[in-house]
Amino acid sequence: MIDKVTLRELRLMRERTQQEIADFLGVDRSTYASWEKTNTFDFSIVVRLCEYYKVDIQLIKE
């Protein structure tokens, strides 16, 4: 079984900055930082991030 990861853990594993991910998503860095901190985000964001990181959606911790 694969351990689920938070957005922050996934970003750090892939050696990306918050700004890089925010730019990809078309949001401010502070907005993305808030999602990481609270681990609260829209499902459509998870789908886009899974495409970006090329991971299965089940990897993302809710």
C-alpha atoms as a PDB file:
ATOM      1  CA  MET A   1       0.000   0.000   0.000  1.00  0.00           C
ATOM      2  CA  ILE A   2       1.273   3.474  -0.893  1.00  0.00           C
ATOM      3  CA  ASP A   3       1.210   6.143   1.798  1.00  0.00           C
ATOM      4  CA  LYS A   4      -0.841   9.184   0.895  1.00  0.00           C
ATOM      5  CA  VAL A   5       0.882  12.568   0.875  1.00  0.00           C
ATOM      6  CA  THR A   6      -0.132  16.160   1.427  1.00  0.00           C
ATOM      7  CA  LEU A   7       0.246  18.808  -1.252  1.00  0.00           C
ATOM      8  CA  ARG A   8       3.299  20.172   0.553  1.00  0.00           C
ATOM      9  CA  GLU A   9       4.972  16.766   0.825  1.00  0.00           C
ATOM     10  CA  LEU A  10       4.385  16.089  -2.862  1.00  0.00           C
ATOM     11  CA  ARG A  11       5.734  19.504  -3.866  1.00  0.00           C
ATOM     12  CA  LEU A  12       8.869  19.037  -1.762  1.00  0.00           C
ATOM     13  CA  MET A  13       9.459  15.519  -3.065  1.00  0.00           C
ATOM     14  CA  ARG A  14       9.384  16.940  -6.597  1.00  0.00           C
ATOM     15  CA  GLU A  15      11.613  19.883  -5.607  1.00  0.00           C
ATOM     16  CA  ARG A  16       9.162  22.562  -6.728  1.00  0.00           C
ATOM     17  CA  THR A  17       8.451  25.947  -5.188  1.00  0.00           C
ATOM     18  CA  GLN A  18       5.056  27.211  -4.173  1.00  0.00           C
ATOM     19  CA  GLN A  19       5.435  29.898  -6.833  1.00  0.00           C
ATOM     20  CA  GLU A  20       6.029  27.332  -9.585  1.00  0.00           C
ATOM     21  CA  ILE A  21       2.901  25.410  -8.648  1.00  0.00           C
ATOM     22  CA  ALA A  22       0.838  28.567  -8.224  1.00  0.00           C
ATOM     23  CA  ASP A  23       1.929  29.750 -11.677  1.00  0.00           C
ATOM     24  CA  PHE A  24       0.940  26.408 -13.189  1.00  0.00           C
ATOM     25  CA  LEU A  25      -2.495  26.638 -11.547  1.00  0.00           C
ATOM     26  CA  GLY A  26      -2.927  30.331 -12.386  1.00  0.00           C
ATOM     27  CA  VAL A  27      -3.343  31.457  -8.774  1.00  0.00           C
ATOM     28  CA  ASP A  28      -1.370  33.657  -6.388  1.00  0.00           C
ATOM     29  CA  ARG A  29       1.378  32.012  -4.364  1.00  0.00           C
ATOM     30  CA  SER A  30      -0.447  32.999  -1.180  1.00  0.00           C
ATOM     31  CA  THR A  31      -3.557  31.140  -2.358  1.00  0.00           C
ATOM     32  CA  TYR A  32      -1.574  28.009  -3.042  1.00  0.00           C
ATOM     33  CA  ALA A  33       0.251  28.375   0.298  1.00  0.00           C
ATOM     34  CA  SER A  34      -3.121  28.519   2.029  1.00  0.00           C
ATOM     35  CA  TRP A  35      -4.190  25.278   0.340  1.00  0.00           C
ATOM     36  CA  GLU A  36      -1.012  23.597   1.536  1.00  0.00           C
ATOM     37  CA  LYS A  37      -1.434  24.880   5.072  1.00  0.00           C
ATOM     38  CA  THR A  38      -5.065  23.878   5.463  1.00  0.00           C
ATOM     39  CA  ASN A  39      -5.015  20.945   3.014  1.00  0.00           C
ATOM     40  CA  THR A  40      -8.345  22.335   1.793  1.00  0.00           C
ATOM     41  CA  PHE A  41      -8.813  22.764  -1.938  1.00  0.00           C
ATOM     42  CA  ASP A  42     -11.240  22.177  -4.768  1.00  0.00           C
ATOM     43  CA  PHE A  43     -11.342  18.762  -6.435  1.00  0.00           C
ATOM     44  CA  SER A  44     -10.474  20.342  -9.795  1.00  0.00           C
ATOM     45  CA  ILE A  45      -7.187  21.527  -8.271  1.00  0.00           C
ATOM     46  CA  VAL A  46      -6.321  17.977  -7.235  1.00  0.00           C
ATOM     47  CA  VAL A  47      -7.002  16.728 -10.753  1.00  0.00           C
ATOM     48  CA  ARG A  48      -4.714  19.380 -12.272  1.00  0.00           C
ATOM     49  CA  LEU A  49      -1.969  18.698  -9.732  1.00  0.00           C
ATOM     50  CA  CYS A  50      -2.128  14.971 -10.406  1.00  0.00           C
ATOM     51  CA  GLU A  51      -1.686  15.711 -14.099  1.00  0.00           C
ATOM     52  CA  TYR A  52       1.216  18.053 -13.313  1.00  0.00           C
ATOM     53  CA  TYR A  53       2.999  15.576 -11.047  1.00  0.00           C
ATOM     54  CA  LYS A  54       1.888  12.538 -13.092  1.00  0.00           C
ATOM     55  CA  VAL A  55       0.525  10.719 -10.044  1.00  0.00           C
ATOM     56  CA  ASP A  56      -2.682   8.878  -9.276  1.00  0.00           C
ATOM     57  CA  ILE A  57      -5.352  10.931  -7.532  1.00  0.00           C
ATOM     58  CA  GLN A  58      -5.478   8.377  -4.717  1.00  0.00           C
ATOM     59  CA  LEU A  59      -1.973   9.471  -3.681  1.00  0.00           C
ATOM     60  CA  ILE A  60      -3.223  12.867  -2.429  1.00  0.00           C
ATOM     61  CA  LYS A  61      -4.178  12.960   1.239  1.00  0.00           C
ATOM     62  CA  GLU A  62      -7.572  14.510   1.935  1.00  0.00           C
END
